[in-house]
Every structure is written in C-alpha cells, then in structure tokens.
Amino acid sequence: MAKNALLNLYLLAFNGASCAGWAYVLYLTVSTVLKSHEAGQDWNQVAQSTWDVVSMPLKVVQTMAVMEIVHAAVGFVRSPLGSTLMQVSSRLWLVWAINVLCPVSRYQFGFPLMVASWGLVEVPRYSFYALNLYNAVPGFLFFLRYHLFMVLYPSGVLGTFSHRLMLNFLVISM
C-alpha cells in the first residue's frame, strides 16, 4: 500500500471515530436534556444530569482532538498549526480545567448548550473531512460544513460565556 493510501486510511479512521464520538456525545446531550426537562428538573438540574451522563465520552472525544494538533504539526493535513492549537487547547481548557475543576460551571444551562453546539459542528466537520479524503462529499454536507457556524457559533459562545461568568462569580465569592 502506498504511503498516501495508508495516511488516508488512518485519517479516515480518525475522522470516523471522532465523528462517531461526537454523534454519541450529541445524542447523550440531547436525550438527557429532553428526559430531564420532561421529568420537571430545573435548568441547573438538567445541566447536572447532562454532565453526569456525558462527561466521560466528552472528555475522551475532546482529548482525541489533540491528534489534530499533531496532524497539522507533521503535515498530515493542511490545517494551520496556530489556529488548530488555539481551538483544541481552548476546548480542552473548558472541558478539563473549567468543567472538571470547577463543578459550579457545569451545573447551569450553558453547559448543555455548549456541548450540543460543539456536537452539531463536529459531526458534519469530521464527516466532511472523512469523505473529502476520497472526494466524496455530498452537497448537503458541504453546505452544513460551511453554514452551520452562523447559528452554532453564537450558541457556542453563549454556552462558553456562561461558563466564564460562573467562574468569575466563584472567584469573586471566594
């Protein structure tokens, strides 16, 4: 097998696993929010239930994104290293430093909003990357890949901002 074929196979596996991981996280997030809300939980309880269900797969799939930095650094993909490093590290910071070390941040409405926004962006993105390796991207996926951000960027920012706000309240109250 040629070097390019092996690399494409590896990238297909990586992008497929990342897509599946994010699809699972998105499914868990949406189903937990719906079930918790139907059970009469307030939004803080909904967020806590969401964290309880989604935290482990979220940590795994987001930590896998470190490989995107490696891919950019060694030239496996054409992504710019700087922006890849910033995006991956900012999400790792939110998942591991903010959510894990500061529980109050994950127990408010911004957490499920942030995770759902990420999932809705990442599933089409990784699908696009996987299919683009073989020039097989359908038109609807191309459209989603380059247009979802108009809706999901503001919702992701709102979810992220609420984390920062909760962290600021925690620091001020100490």
N, C-alpha and C. Protein backbone atom coordinates (compact mmCIF):
# COMPACT_ATOMS: atom_id res chain seq x y z
N MET A 1 0.84 -1.18 0.00
CA MET A 1 0.00 0.00 0.00
C MET A 1 0.89 1.25 0.00
N ALA A 2 0.53 2.23 -0.78
CA ALA A 2 1.31 3.46 -0.87
C ALA A 2 1.17 4.27 0.41
N LYS A 3 2.15 5.16 0.62
CA LYS A 3 2.16 6.00 1.81
C LYS A 3 0.88 6.84 1.91
N ASN A 4 0.46 7.45 0.80
CA ASN A 4 -0.77 8.25 0.80
C ASN A 4 -1.99 7.42 1.13
N ALA A 5 -2.05 6.21 0.63
CA ALA A 5 -3.19 5.34 0.90
C ALA A 5 -3.26 4.99 2.39
N LEU A 6 -2.11 4.71 3.00
CA LEU A 6 -2.08 4.41 4.43
C LEU A 6 -2.48 5.63 5.26
N LEU A 7 -1.95 6.79 4.87
CA LEU A 7 -2.29 8.02 5.57
C LEU A 7 -3.79 8.30 5.45
N ASN A 8 -4.33 8.15 4.26
CA ASN A 8 -5.77 8.37 4.07
C ASN A 8 -6.60 7.38 4.88
N LEU A 9 -6.14 6.15 4.96
CA LEU A 9 -6.85 5.15 5.76
C LEU A 9 -6.83 5.53 7.24
N TYR A 10 -5.66 5.96 7.72
CA TYR A 10 -5.55 6.41 9.11
C TYR A 10 -6.46 7.62 9.36
N LEU A 11 -6.41 8.62 8.47
CA LEU A 11 -7.23 9.81 8.64
C LEU A 11 -8.72 9.49 8.55
N LEU A 12 -9.07 8.54 7.69
CA LEU A 12 -10.46 8.09 7.60
C LEU A 12 -10.89 7.47 8.94
N ALA A 13 -10.04 6.63 9.51
CA ALA A 13 -10.36 6.00 10.80
C ALA A 13 -10.45 7.06 11.91
N PHE A 14 -9.51 7.99 11.94
CA PHE A 14 -9.52 9.05 12.96
C PHE A 14 -10.77 9.91 12.83
N ASN A 15 -11.05 10.38 11.62
CA ASN A 15 -12.21 11.24 11.42
C ASN A 15 -13.51 10.48 11.65
N GLY A 16 -13.56 9.21 11.26
CA GLY A 16 -14.75 8.40 11.50
C GLY A 16 -14.98 8.19 12.99
N ALA A 17 -13.91 7.89 13.72
CA ALA A 17 -14.04 7.70 15.18
C ALA A 17 -14.44 9.00 15.86
N SER A 18 -13.86 10.11 15.42
CA SER A 18 -14.21 11.41 16.00
C SER A 18 -15.66 11.77 15.71
N CYS A 19 -16.09 11.52 14.49
CA CYS A 19 -17.49 11.78 14.11
C CYS A 19 -18.43 10.92 14.96
N ALA A 20 -18.12 9.65 15.08
CA ALA A 20 -18.96 8.75 15.88
C ALA A 20 -18.97 9.17 17.34
N GLY A 21 -17.81 9.56 17.86
CA GLY A 21 -17.73 10.01 19.25
C GLY A 21 -18.57 11.25 19.50
N TRP A 22 -18.47 12.22 18.60
CA TRP A 22 -19.27 13.44 18.75
C TRP A 22 -20.75 13.17 18.54
N ALA A 23 -21.09 12.27 17.64
CA ALA A 23 -22.51 11.91 17.44
C ALA A 23 -23.07 11.30 18.72
N TYR A 24 -22.27 10.47 19.38
CA TYR A 24 -22.68 9.84 20.64
C TYR A 24 -22.85 10.90 21.73
N VAL A 25 -21.89 11.81 21.84
CA VAL A 25 -21.97 12.90 22.82
C VAL A 25 -23.21 13.76 22.55
N LEU A 26 -23.44 14.07 21.29
CA LEU A 26 -24.61 14.88 20.93
C LEU A 26 -25.91 14.16 21.28
N TYR A 27 -25.98 12.88 20.94
CA TYR A 27 -27.17 12.08 21.28
C TYR A 27 -27.40 12.06 22.79
N LEU A 28 -26.34 11.79 23.56
CA LEU A 28 -26.47 11.75 25.02
C LEU A 28 -26.92 13.10 25.56
N THR A 29 -26.36 14.17 25.02
CA THR A 29 -26.70 15.51 25.49
C THR A 29 -28.16 15.82 25.23
N VAL A 30 -28.59 15.66 23.99
CA VAL A 30 -29.97 15.99 23.63
C VAL A 30 -30.97 15.10 24.36
N SER A 31 -30.71 13.80 24.40
CA SER A 31 -31.66 12.90 25.06
C SER A 31 -31.72 13.15 26.56
N THR A 32 -30.60 13.46 27.18
CA THR A 32 -30.60 13.74 28.62
C THR A 32 -31.32 15.05 28.92
N VAL A 33 -31.08 16.07 28.11
CA VAL A 33 -31.77 17.35 28.31
C VAL A 33 -33.28 17.15 28.19
N LEU A 34 -33.71 16.44 27.17
CA LEU A 34 -35.15 16.22 26.97
C LEU A 34 -35.77 15.41 28.11
N LYS A 35 -35.11 14.32 28.49
CA LYS A 35 -35.65 13.48 29.58
C LYS A 35 -35.67 14.24 30.91
N SER A 36 -34.60 14.96 31.19
CA SER A 36 -34.52 15.69 32.46
C SER A 36 -35.55 16.81 32.52
N HIS A 37 -35.71 17.50 31.40
CA HIS A 37 -36.69 18.59 31.36
C HIS A 37 -38.12 18.04 31.50
N GLU A 38 -38.39 16.91 30.83
CA GLU A 38 -39.72 16.28 30.94
C GLU A 38 -39.99 15.81 32.37
N ALA A 39 -38.93 15.45 33.09
CA ALA A 39 -39.08 14.99 34.47
C ALA A 39 -39.29 16.16 35.43
N GLY A 40 -39.31 17.38 34.90
CA GLY A 40 -39.58 18.54 35.74
C GLY A 40 -38.36 19.15 36.39
N GLN A 41 -37.18 18.75 35.97
CA GLN A 41 -35.97 19.33 36.56
C GLN A 41 -35.81 20.78 36.09
N ASP A 42 -35.26 21.64 36.97
CA ASP A 42 -34.94 22.99 36.54
C ASP A 42 -33.66 22.94 35.70
N TRP A 43 -33.30 24.06 35.10
CA TRP A 43 -32.18 24.04 34.15
C TRP A 43 -30.85 23.68 34.81
N ASN A 44 -30.66 24.05 36.06
CA ASN A 44 -29.43 23.65 36.75
C ASN A 44 -29.37 22.14 36.94
N GLN A 45 -30.50 21.54 37.29
CA GLN A 45 -30.55 20.08 37.44
C GLN A 45 -30.38 19.38 36.09
N VAL A 46 -30.97 19.97 35.04
CA VAL A 46 -30.80 19.42 33.69
C VAL A 46 -29.32 19.43 33.33
N ALA A 47 -28.65 20.53 33.60
CA ALA A 47 -27.22 20.63 33.29
C ALA A 47 -26.42 19.61 34.10
N GLN A 48 -26.76 19.43 35.38
CA GLN A 48 -26.06 18.46 36.21
C GLN A 48 -26.28 17.05 35.68
N SER A 49 -27.51 16.72 35.32
CA SER A 49 -27.80 15.40 34.75
C SER A 49 -27.03 15.19 33.45
N THR A 50 -26.95 16.25 32.65
CA THR A 50 -26.22 16.16 31.38
C THR A 50 -24.75 15.87 31.64
N TRP A 51 -24.15 16.60 32.58
CA TRP A 51 -22.74 16.36 32.91
C TRP A 51 -22.55 14.92 33.39
N ASP A 52 -23.43 14.47 34.26
CA ASP A 52 -23.30 13.12 34.81
C ASP A 52 -23.30 12.06 33.71
N VAL A 53 -24.09 12.27 32.68
CA VAL A 53 -24.21 11.29 31.60
C VAL A 53 -23.11 11.45 30.55
N VAL A 54 -22.76 12.68 30.22
CA VAL A 54 -21.93 12.93 29.05
C VAL A 54 -20.46 13.18 29.37
N SER A 55 -20.11 13.36 30.62
CA SER A 55 -18.75 13.81 30.94
C SER A 55 -17.65 12.88 30.44
N MET A 56 -17.78 11.59 30.63
CA MET A 56 -16.71 10.68 30.22
C MET A 56 -16.53 10.64 28.69
N PRO A 57 -17.60 10.40 27.91
CA PRO A 57 -17.39 10.41 26.46
C PRO A 57 -16.94 11.78 25.95
N LEU A 58 -17.41 12.86 26.57
CA LEU A 58 -16.97 14.19 26.17
C LEU A 58 -15.47 14.36 26.40
N LYS A 59 -14.99 13.95 27.56
CA LYS A 59 -13.56 14.06 27.85
C LYS A 59 -12.74 13.24 26.86
N VAL A 60 -13.21 12.05 26.53
CA VAL A 60 -12.48 11.18 25.59
C VAL A 60 -12.42 11.80 24.21
N VAL A 61 -13.59 12.18 23.67
CA VAL A 61 -13.62 12.66 22.29
C VAL A 61 -12.93 14.02 22.15
N GLN A 62 -13.05 14.87 23.16
CA GLN A 62 -12.37 16.16 23.06
C GLN A 62 -10.86 16.00 23.23
N THR A 63 -10.43 15.08 24.06
CA THR A 63 -9.00 14.84 24.23
C THR A 63 -8.39 14.22 22.97
N MET A 64 -9.19 13.43 22.25
CA MET A 64 -8.72 12.88 20.96
C MET A 64 -8.31 13.98 20.00
N ALA A 65 -8.90 15.16 20.14
CA ALA A 65 -8.62 16.27 19.23
C ALA A 65 -7.17 16.73 19.32
N VAL A 66 -6.45 16.33 20.37
CA VAL A 66 -5.02 16.64 20.45
C VAL A 66 -4.30 16.11 19.21
N MET A 67 -4.81 15.01 18.67
CA MET A 67 -4.20 14.45 17.46
C MET A 67 -4.32 15.40 16.27
N GLU A 68 -5.31 16.28 16.27
CA GLU A 68 -5.42 17.27 15.20
C GLU A 68 -4.22 18.21 15.22
N ILE A 69 -3.73 18.53 16.40
CA ILE A 69 -2.53 19.36 16.52
C ILE A 69 -1.35 18.61 15.93
N VAL A 70 -1.23 17.33 16.27
CA VAL A 70 -0.15 16.50 15.73
C VAL A 70 -0.26 16.42 14.21
N HIS A 71 -1.45 16.19 13.70
CA HIS A 71 -1.65 16.08 12.24
C HIS A 71 -1.20 17.35 11.54
N ALA A 72 -1.54 18.51 12.10
CA ALA A 72 -1.14 19.78 11.50
C ALA A 72 0.37 19.99 11.62
N ALA A 73 0.93 19.62 12.77
CA ALA A 73 2.36 19.84 13.01
C ALA A 73 3.24 18.99 12.09
N VAL A 74 2.84 17.76 11.82
CA VAL A 74 3.67 16.88 10.99
C VAL A 74 3.29 16.92 9.51
N GLY A 75 2.27 17.71 9.17
CA GLY A 75 1.91 17.88 7.77
C GLY A 75 0.97 16.83 7.21
N PHE A 76 0.29 16.08 8.07
CA PHE A 76 -0.70 15.11 7.57
C PHE A 76 -1.89 15.82 6.93
N VAL A 77 -2.20 17.02 7.43
CA VAL A 77 -3.31 17.82 6.91
C VAL A 77 -2.82 19.24 6.66
N ARG A 78 -3.60 20.00 5.91
CA ARG A 78 -3.19 21.37 5.56
C ARG A 78 -3.67 22.40 6.57
N SER A 79 -4.23 21.98 7.66
CA SER A 79 -4.74 22.92 8.67
C SER A 79 -3.59 23.72 9.25
N PRO A 80 -3.81 25.02 9.49
CA PRO A 80 -2.76 25.83 10.12
C PRO A 80 -2.55 25.40 11.58
N LEU A 81 -1.32 25.24 11.95
CA LEU A 81 -0.99 24.77 13.29
C LEU A 81 -1.49 25.74 14.37
N GLY A 82 -1.29 27.03 14.17
CA GLY A 82 -1.66 28.01 15.20
C GLY A 82 -3.14 28.00 15.54
N SER A 83 -3.99 28.06 14.54
CA SER A 83 -5.43 28.08 14.82
C SER A 83 -5.92 26.74 15.35
N THR A 84 -5.32 25.65 14.87
CA THR A 84 -5.68 24.32 15.39
C THR A 84 -5.31 24.23 16.87
N LEU A 85 -4.12 24.69 17.20
CA LEU A 85 -3.65 24.68 18.58
C LEU A 85 -4.57 25.51 19.48
N MET A 86 -4.96 26.69 19.00
CA MET A 86 -5.84 27.55 19.81
C MET A 86 -7.21 26.92 20.03
N GLN A 87 -7.81 26.38 18.97
CA GLN A 87 -9.15 25.81 19.12
C GLN A 87 -9.14 24.59 20.03
N VAL A 88 -8.22 23.69 19.79
CA VAL A 88 -8.17 22.46 20.59
C VAL A 88 -7.83 22.80 22.04
N SER A 89 -6.85 23.65 22.27
CA SER A 89 -6.46 23.96 23.65
C SER A 89 -7.56 24.71 24.39
N SER A 90 -8.30 25.58 23.70
CA SER A 90 -9.38 26.30 24.39
C SER A 90 -10.49 25.34 24.82
N ARG A 91 -10.79 24.37 23.98
CA ARG A 91 -11.82 23.39 24.36
C ARG A 91 -11.32 22.46 25.46
N LEU A 92 -10.06 22.07 25.38
CA LEU A 92 -9.51 21.24 26.46
C LEU A 92 -9.54 22.00 27.78
N TRP A 93 -9.24 23.29 27.72
CA TRP A 93 -9.30 24.13 28.92
C TRP A 93 -10.72 24.12 29.49
N LEU A 94 -11.72 24.30 28.63
CA LEU A 94 -13.10 24.31 29.10
C LEU A 94 -13.51 22.96 29.69
N VAL A 95 -13.14 21.88 29.02
CA VAL A 95 -13.55 20.56 29.49
C VAL A 95 -12.81 20.17 30.76
N TRP A 96 -11.48 20.24 30.72
CA TRP A 96 -10.70 19.71 31.84
C TRP A 96 -10.50 20.71 32.97
N ALA A 97 -10.18 21.94 32.67
CA ALA A 97 -9.90 22.91 33.74
C ALA A 97 -11.18 23.51 34.31
N ILE A 98 -12.04 23.97 33.43
CA ILE A 98 -13.25 24.64 33.92
C ILE A 98 -14.27 23.62 34.43
N ASN A 99 -14.69 22.69 33.58
CA ASN A 99 -15.77 21.77 33.97
C ASN A 99 -15.35 20.77 35.04
N VAL A 100 -14.17 20.22 34.93
CA VAL A 100 -13.74 19.21 35.90
C VAL A 100 -13.37 19.85 37.23
N LEU A 101 -12.60 20.94 37.19
CA LEU A 101 -12.10 21.53 38.42
C LEU A 101 -13.05 22.54 39.06
N CYS A 102 -14.04 22.99 38.31
CA CYS A 102 -14.97 23.99 38.82
C CYS A 102 -16.41 23.51 38.59
N PRO A 103 -16.90 22.61 39.44
CA PRO A 103 -18.21 21.99 39.21
C PRO A 103 -19.36 22.97 39.01
N VAL A 104 -19.32 24.13 39.66
CA VAL A 104 -20.43 25.07 39.53
C VAL A 104 -20.61 25.49 38.07
N SER A 105 -19.54 25.47 37.29
CA SER A 105 -19.63 25.91 35.90
C SER A 105 -20.42 24.94 35.03
N ARG A 106 -20.43 23.69 35.39
CA ARG A 106 -21.12 22.70 34.56
C ARG A 106 -22.57 22.49 34.98
N TYR A 107 -22.98 23.13 36.06
CA TYR A 107 -24.33 22.93 36.57
C TYR A 107 -25.22 24.13 36.28
N GLN A 108 -25.14 24.67 35.08
CA GLN A 108 -26.03 25.74 34.64
C GLN A 108 -26.28 25.56 33.15
N PHE A 109 -27.25 26.27 32.61
CA PHE A 109 -27.76 26.00 31.25
C PHE A 109 -26.68 26.06 30.17
N GLY A 110 -25.62 26.79 30.40
CA GLY A 110 -24.59 26.94 29.37
C GLY A 110 -23.86 25.66 29.03
N PHE A 111 -23.76 24.74 29.98
CA PHE A 111 -23.03 23.50 29.70
C PHE A 111 -23.69 22.67 28.61
N PRO A 112 -24.98 22.30 28.74
CA PRO A 112 -25.59 21.52 27.65
C PRO A 112 -25.64 22.29 26.34
N LEU A 113 -25.82 23.60 26.41
CA LEU A 113 -25.84 24.42 25.19
C LEU A 113 -24.49 24.37 24.49
N MET A 114 -23.42 24.51 25.25
CA MET A 114 -22.07 24.47 24.70
C MET A 114 -21.79 23.11 24.07
N VAL A 115 -22.09 22.04 24.78
CA VAL A 115 -21.78 20.69 24.28
C VAL A 115 -22.62 20.35 23.05
N ALA A 116 -23.90 20.71 23.07
CA ALA A 116 -24.75 20.46 21.90
C ALA A 116 -24.25 21.26 20.69
N SER A 117 -23.84 22.50 20.91
CA SER A 117 -23.30 23.32 19.82
C SER A 117 -22.04 22.68 19.26
N TRP A 118 -21.15 22.24 20.13
CA TRP A 118 -19.94 21.57 19.67
C TRP A 118 -20.29 20.33 18.84
N GLY A 119 -21.19 19.51 19.36
CA GLY A 119 -21.56 18.29 18.65
C GLY A 119 -22.17 18.57 17.29
N LEU A 120 -23.02 19.59 17.21
CA LEU A 120 -23.66 19.93 15.94
C LEU A 120 -22.66 20.48 14.92
N VAL A 121 -21.55 21.01 15.39
CA VAL A 121 -20.48 21.46 14.49
C VAL A 121 -19.57 20.29 14.13
N GLU A 122 -19.22 19.48 15.11
CA GLU A 122 -18.20 18.45 14.91
C GLU A 122 -18.66 17.26 14.07
N VAL A 123 -19.91 16.86 14.20
CA VAL A 123 -20.38 15.72 13.41
C VAL A 123 -20.26 16.01 11.91
N PRO A 124 -20.79 17.14 11.42
CA PRO A 124 -20.59 17.42 9.99
C PRO A 124 -19.13 17.68 9.62
N ARG A 125 -18.38 18.31 10.52
CA ARG A 125 -16.97 18.61 10.21
C ARG A 125 -16.17 17.34 10.00
N TYR A 126 -16.25 16.41 10.95
CA TYR A 126 -15.49 15.16 10.81
C TYR A 126 -16.01 14.31 9.66
N SER A 127 -17.32 14.34 9.42
CA SER A 127 -17.87 13.63 8.25
C SER A 127 -17.30 14.21 6.97
N PHE A 128 -17.27 15.53 6.91
CA PHE A 128 -16.71 16.22 5.74
C PHE A 128 -15.25 15.82 5.53
N TYR A 129 -14.46 15.87 6.60
CA TYR A 129 -13.04 15.51 6.49
C TYR A 129 -12.87 14.08 5.99
N ALA A 130 -13.64 13.16 6.54
CA ALA A 130 -13.52 11.75 6.15
C ALA A 130 -13.87 11.56 4.67
N LEU A 131 -14.99 12.11 4.25
CA LEU A 131 -15.43 11.93 2.87
C LEU A 131 -14.57 12.72 1.88
N ASN A 132 -14.05 13.84 2.32
CA ASN A 132 -13.21 14.67 1.44
C ASN A 132 -11.90 13.97 1.08
N LEU A 133 -11.46 13.05 1.91
CA LEU A 133 -10.24 12.28 1.60
C LEU A 133 -10.40 11.53 0.28
N TYR A 134 -11.63 11.19 -0.05
CA TYR A 134 -11.91 10.41 -1.26
C TYR A 134 -12.79 11.20 -2.25
N ASN A 135 -12.79 12.53 -2.09
CA ASN A 135 -13.57 13.41 -2.98
C ASN A 135 -15.02 12.95 -3.10
N ALA A 136 -15.63 12.62 -1.98
CA ALA A 136 -16.98 12.06 -1.98
C ALA A 136 -17.94 12.86 -1.09
N VAL A 137 -17.71 14.16 -0.96
CA VAL A 137 -18.55 14.99 -0.09
C VAL A 137 -19.85 15.34 -0.81
N PRO A 138 -21.00 14.92 -0.26
CA PRO A 138 -22.27 15.32 -0.88
C PRO A 138 -22.54 16.81 -0.66
N GLY A 139 -23.34 17.39 -1.53
CA GLY A 139 -23.62 18.82 -1.48
C GLY A 139 -24.19 19.28 -0.16
N PHE A 140 -25.12 18.50 0.42
CA PHE A 140 -25.73 18.92 1.68
C PHE A 140 -24.70 18.98 2.81
N LEU A 141 -23.73 18.07 2.79
CA LEU A 141 -22.70 18.07 3.83
C LEU A 141 -21.76 19.26 3.65
N PHE A 142 -21.44 19.58 2.42
CA PHE A 142 -20.64 20.77 2.13
C PHE A 142 -21.36 22.01 2.66
N PHE A 143 -22.65 22.10 2.40
CA PHE A 143 -23.45 23.23 2.87
C PHE A 143 -23.42 23.31 4.39
N LEU A 144 -23.68 22.18 5.06
CA LEU A 144 -23.68 22.16 6.53
C LEU A 144 -22.32 22.57 7.08
N ARG A 145 -21.28 22.02 6.50
CA ARG A 145 -19.91 22.28 6.99
C ARG A 145 -19.59 23.77 7.00
N TYR A 146 -20.06 24.48 5.98
CA TYR A 146 -19.68 25.89 5.85
C TYR A 146 -20.78 26.88 6.20
N HIS A 147 -21.93 26.40 6.68
CA HIS A 147 -23.01 27.32 7.04
C HIS A 147 -23.54 27.15 8.46
N LEU A 148 -23.35 26.01 9.07
CA LEU A 148 -23.87 25.81 10.43
C LEU A 148 -23.28 26.79 11.43
N PHE A 149 -22.05 27.21 11.18
CA PHE A 149 -21.40 28.09 12.15
C PHE A 149 -22.17 29.39 12.37
N MET A 150 -22.96 29.82 11.38
CA MET A 150 -23.70 31.08 11.52
C MET A 150 -24.70 31.01 12.67
N VAL A 151 -25.24 29.83 12.93
CA VAL A 151 -26.17 29.64 14.04
C VAL A 151 -25.44 29.11 15.27
N LEU A 152 -24.52 28.18 15.04
CA LEU A 152 -23.91 27.48 16.17
C LEU A 152 -22.77 28.27 16.82
N TYR A 153 -22.13 29.15 16.11
CA TYR A 153 -21.08 29.95 16.73
C TYR A 153 -21.66 30.81 17.85
N PRO A 154 -22.76 31.56 17.61
CA PRO A 154 -23.33 32.34 18.72
C PRO A 154 -23.80 31.47 19.89
N SER A 155 -24.40 30.31 19.61
CA SER A 155 -24.86 29.47 20.72
C SER A 155 -23.68 28.88 21.49
N GLY A 156 -22.62 28.52 20.78
CA GLY A 156 -21.42 28.03 21.45
C GLY A 156 -20.77 29.10 22.30
N VAL A 157 -20.74 30.33 21.77
CA VAL A 157 -20.18 31.45 22.53
C VAL A 157 -21.02 31.72 23.78
N LEU A 158 -22.34 31.67 23.63
CA LEU A 158 -23.22 31.88 24.78
C LEU A 158 -22.98 30.82 25.86
N GLY A 159 -22.88 29.56 25.45
CA GLY A 159 -22.60 28.49 26.40
C GLY A 159 -21.25 28.66 27.07
N THR A 160 -20.25 29.01 26.27
CA THR A 160 -18.90 29.22 26.80
C THR A 160 -18.86 30.43 27.72
N PHE A 161 -19.52 31.51 27.31
CA PHE A 161 -19.54 32.72 28.12
C PHE A 161 -20.17 32.46 29.48
N SER A 162 -21.23 31.67 29.50
CA SER A 162 -21.87 31.38 30.78
C SER A 162 -20.93 30.62 31.71
N HIS A 163 -20.05 29.79 31.14
CA HIS A 163 -19.04 29.11 31.96
C HIS A 163 -18.10 30.14 32.57
N ARG A 164 -17.64 31.06 31.75
CA ARG A 164 -16.71 32.09 32.23
C ARG A 164 -17.39 32.95 33.30
N LEU A 165 -18.65 33.28 33.08
CA LEU A 165 -19.38 34.09 34.03
C LEU A 165 -19.49 33.37 35.37
N MET A 166 -19.82 32.08 35.34
CA MET A 166 -19.93 31.31 36.58
C MET A 166 -18.58 31.22 37.28
N LEU A 167 -17.52 31.08 36.51
CA LEU A 167 -16.18 31.03 37.10
C LEU A 167 -15.85 32.36 37.76
N ASN A 168 -16.19 33.47 37.11
CA ASN A 168 -15.95 34.79 37.69
C ASN A 168 -16.71 34.95 39.00
N PHE A 169 -17.98 34.51 39.05
CA PHE A 169 -18.75 34.58 40.28
C PHE A 169 -18.10 33.76 41.38
N LEU A 170 -17.58 32.60 41.03
CA LEU A 170 -16.93 31.74 42.01
C LEU A 170 -15.70 32.43 42.58
N VAL A 171 -14.88 33.00 41.71
CA VAL A 171 -13.65 33.66 42.15
C VAL A 171 -13.98 34.87 43.02
N ILE A 172 -14.98 35.66 42.61
CA ILE A 172 -15.36 36.84 43.37
C ILE A 172 -15.90 36.46 44.74
N SER A 173 -16.66 35.37 44.82
CA SER A 173 -17.26 34.97 46.10
C SER A 173 -16.27 34.34 47.06
N MET A 174 -15.09 33.99 46.57
CA MET A 174 -14.09 33.37 47.45
C MET A 174 -13.45 34.44 48.23
